[in-house]
């Protein structure tokens, strides 16, 4: 299962860099994420993210993924 603190995921550093760039340089753009997305935003900006302990009894289902494509003029 993937997690935001898994350093083996090659696409994570560029995405985290994008999140930090948007947060630092474009305050008019609001960041929002759901589930994995909100964890990634928090982690990218220095927050703590950790795995839920099994004894807490929380089971998460992964329904699917949707690729995101950024256009070159995003920051213009």
Protein backbone atom coordinates (compact mmCIF):
# COMPACT_ATOMS: atom_id res chain seq x y z
CA UNK A 1 0.00 0.00 0.00
CA UNK A 2 1.35 3.43 -0.91
CA UNK A 3 1.92 6.11 1.68
CA UNK A 4 3.03 9.73 1.52
CA UNK A 5 6.23 8.95 3.38
CA UNK A 6 7.30 6.18 0.97
CA UNK A 7 10.53 7.47 -0.55
CA UNK A 8 10.60 4.75 -3.23
CA UNK A 9 7.80 6.40 -5.21
CA UNK A 10 9.63 8.33 -7.94
CA UNK A 11 6.72 10.66 -8.68
CA UNK A 12 6.42 11.90 -5.09
CA UNK A 13 9.32 14.42 -4.88
CA UNK A 14 8.21 16.37 -7.99
CA UNK A 15 4.61 16.43 -6.79
CA UNK A 16 5.65 17.56 -3.30
CA UNK A 17 7.79 20.26 -4.92
CA UNK A 18 4.79 21.45 -6.92
CA UNK A 19 2.66 21.60 -3.77
CA UNK A 20 5.32 23.66 -1.97
CA UNK A 21 5.74 25.95 -5.00
CA UNK A 22 2.02 26.64 -5.24
CA UNK A 23 1.72 27.18 -1.46
CA UNK A 24 4.75 29.50 -1.27
CA UNK A 25 4.33 31.51 -4.47
CA UNK A 26 0.64 31.56 -5.30
CA UNK A 27 -1.38 32.36 -2.14
CA UNK A 28 -4.51 32.96 -4.21
CA UNK A 29 -4.56 29.27 -5.21
CA UNK A 30 -6.23 27.19 -2.51
CA UNK A 31 -4.98 23.66 -1.99
CA UNK A 32 -7.47 20.91 -1.23
CA UNK A 33 -7.03 17.17 -1.08
CA UNK A 34 -9.12 14.23 -0.08
CA UNK A 35 -7.72 11.25 1.83
CA UNK A 36 -4.28 10.67 0.23
CA UNK A 37 -4.32 14.22 -1.15
CA UNK A 38 -4.77 15.96 2.19
CA UNK A 39 -2.05 13.77 3.71
CA UNK A 40 0.29 14.64 0.84
CA UNK A 41 -0.36 18.37 1.21
CA UNK A 42 0.25 18.21 4.97
CA UNK A 43 3.42 16.11 4.57
CA UNK A 44 4.76 18.33 1.77
CA UNK A 45 4.37 21.40 3.98
CA UNK A 46 6.13 19.85 6.99
CA UNK A 47 3.25 18.14 8.77
CA UNK A 48 3.36 14.72 10.41
CA UNK A 49 1.61 11.81 8.71
CA UNK A 50 1.61 8.29 10.10
CA UNK A 51 0.01 4.92 9.47
CA UNK A 52 -3.12 4.02 11.42
CA UNK A 53 -2.47 1.32 14.01
CA UNK A 54 -4.24 -1.99 13.35
CA UNK A 55 -5.61 -2.04 16.87
CA UNK A 56 -7.56 1.14 16.09
CA UNK A 57 -9.79 -1.01 13.87
CA UNK A 58 -9.92 1.39 10.92
CA UNK A 59 -10.05 -0.27 7.51
CA UNK A 60 -9.53 1.85 4.40
CA UNK A 61 -10.56 0.82 0.92
CA UNK A 62 -8.76 2.06 -2.18
CA UNK A 63 -11.39 2.60 -4.84
CA UNK A 64 -9.25 3.83 -7.72
CA UNK A 65 -6.87 6.43 -9.07
CA UNK A 66 -7.16 9.24 -11.53
CA UNK A 67 -4.09 10.61 -13.35
CA UNK A 68 -3.57 14.36 -13.30
CA UNK A 69 -1.88 16.16 -16.17
CA UNK A 70 -0.48 19.65 -15.66
CA UNK A 71 -0.33 22.05 -18.57
CA UNK A 72 2.82 24.07 -19.25
CA UNK A 73 1.13 27.46 -18.68
CA UNK A 74 -0.24 26.54 -15.23
CA UNK A 75 1.93 29.15 -13.47
CA UNK A 76 1.45 31.92 -16.02
